[in-house]
């Protein structure tokens, strides 16, 4: 049986863009540094294609297309692994890069 694993590959931070376009309120709050919703290397294992409880809904909306593609056996010719995708949320100030892949049950911890 296969599952879908989503791995946070890297959280990035576009400081110059954030300083130019971030609101004063945003800059005082969560505007300094990469996205706080995730940690680099964090993994989410799915049975089906339902969003995990601790997942950012904005990021989920951005990467759901790739999740569905991989879940139904598809892949992307620019990724060197079959049934995998590299994708990201579209937050221009703090994008997060994800790897979405099919995994065998024995390959993931419960």
Protein backbone atom coordinates (compact mmCIF):
# COMPACT_ATOMS: atom_id res chain seq x y z
CA UNK A 1 0.00 0.00 0.00
CA UNK A 2 1.33 3.44 -0.87
CA UNK A 3 1.06 6.68 1.03
CA UNK A 4 1.97 10.25 0.20
CA UNK A 5 4.82 11.90 2.08
CA UNK A 6 5.25 15.67 2.06
CA UNK A 7 8.67 16.86 3.21
CA UNK A 8 9.57 20.48 3.93
CA UNK A 9 12.74 20.81 1.86
CA UNK A 10 13.52 24.43 2.68
CA UNK A 11 11.90 27.52 4.14
CA UNK A 12 13.16 30.68 2.47
CA UNK A 13 12.92 34.38 3.25
CA UNK A 14 13.05 37.23 0.75
CA UNK A 15 14.17 40.01 3.10
CA UNK A 16 14.40 42.77 0.48
CA UNK A 17 10.91 42.03 -0.86
CA UNK A 18 9.47 41.76 2.66
CA UNK A 19 10.97 45.10 3.67
CA UNK A 20 9.67 46.78 0.53
CA UNK A 21 6.16 45.31 0.45
CA UNK A 22 5.40 44.02 3.96
CA UNK A 23 2.90 46.05 5.98
CA UNK A 24 4.07 47.72 9.17
CA UNK A 25 1.94 45.30 11.20
CA UNK A 26 3.39 42.30 9.36
CA UNK A 27 6.98 43.50 9.85
CA UNK A 28 6.41 43.96 13.60
CA UNK A 29 4.89 40.48 13.94
CA UNK A 30 5.86 37.47 11.88
CA UNK A 31 7.62 39.37 9.09
CA UNK A 32 11.21 38.75 10.13
CA UNK A 33 12.48 35.39 8.96
CA UNK A 34 11.22 32.27 7.21
CA UNK A 35 7.73 30.87 7.62
CA UNK A 36 7.03 29.81 11.20
CA UNK A 37 4.35 27.28 10.20
CA UNK A 38 6.93 24.65 9.22
CA UNK A 39 10.44 23.42 10.04
CA UNK A 40 13.03 22.34 7.47
CA UNK A 41 12.93 18.55 7.21
CA UNK A 42 9.43 18.27 8.70
CA UNK A 43 7.40 15.39 7.22
CA UNK A 44 3.70 14.76 6.80
CA UNK A 45 2.46 11.30 5.78
CA UNK A 46 -0.98 11.10 4.20
CA UNK A 47 -3.38 8.25 3.65
CA UNK A 48 -5.46 9.76 0.90
CA UNK A 49 -5.33 13.44 -0.01
CA UNK A 50 -6.85 15.11 3.05
CA UNK A 51 -4.91 18.03 4.55
CA UNK A 52 -3.12 17.11 7.81
CA UNK A 53 -4.34 18.98 10.89
CA UNK A 54 -1.08 20.86 11.45
CA UNK A 55 -0.64 21.95 7.81
CA UNK A 56 -0.91 25.58 6.67
CA UNK A 57 -4.13 25.89 4.63
CA UNK A 58 -2.58 28.50 2.32
CA UNK A 59 0.35 26.21 1.49
CA UNK A 60 -2.04 23.27 1.05
CA UNK A 61 -4.07 25.21 -1.51
CA UNK A 62 -0.87 26.02 -3.42
CA UNK A 63 0.54 22.46 -3.54
CA UNK A 64 -2.67 20.42 -3.71
CA UNK A 65 -2.42 20.00 -7.50
CA UNK A 66 0.94 18.24 -7.15
CA UNK A 67 -0.35 16.13 -4.25
CA UNK A 68 -3.25 14.90 -6.39
CA UNK A 69 -0.98 14.21 -9.36
CA UNK A 70 1.43 12.11 -7.29
CA UNK A 71 -1.40 10.39 -5.36
CA UNK A 72 -2.90 9.14 -8.61
CA UNK A 73 0.40 7.84 -10.00
CA UNK A 74 1.57 10.84 -11.98
CA UNK A 75 4.93 12.52 -12.03
CA UNK A 76 6.74 15.44 -13.58
CA UNK A 77 9.39 15.09 -16.32
CA UNK A 78 11.67 17.69 -14.71
CA UNK A 79 11.91 15.70 -11.43
CA UNK A 80 14.39 12.80 -11.43
CA UNK A 81 12.16 10.55 -9.31
CA UNK A 82 9.00 8.93 -10.68
CA UNK A 83 5.85 9.72 -8.73
CA UNK A 84 7.39 12.77 -7.05
CA UNK A 85 7.09 16.55 -7.25
CA UNK A 86 9.05 19.53 -6.01
CA UNK A 87 6.67 22.39 -5.35
CA UNK A 88 6.23 25.42 -3.11
CA UNK A 89 3.71 27.71 -1.54
CA UNK A 90 3.30 30.99 -3.37
CA UNK A 91 4.10 33.34 -0.47
CA UNK A 92 6.43 35.77 -2.22
CA UNK A 93 7.96 36.93 1.05
CA UNK A 94 8.44 33.56 2.78
CA UNK A 95 8.08 30.68 0.29
CA UNK A 96 8.39 27.10 1.50
CA UNK A 97 9.66 24.34 -0.82
CA UNK A 98 8.11 20.88 -0.49
CA UNK A 99 8.84 17.41 -1.89
CA UNK A 100 5.71 15.34 -2.50
CA UNK A 101 6.28 11.65 -3.13
CA UNK A 102 4.70 8.20 -3.12
CA UNK A 103 6.13 6.00 -0.37
CA UNK A 104 5.62 2.40 0.60
CA UNK A 105 4.13 1.78 4.05
CA UNK A 106 7.37 0.18 5.28
CA UNK A 107 9.35 3.29 4.24
CA UNK A 108 7.66 5.61 6.75
CA UNK A 109 7.34 5.60 10.49
CA UNK A 110 3.85 5.45 11.95
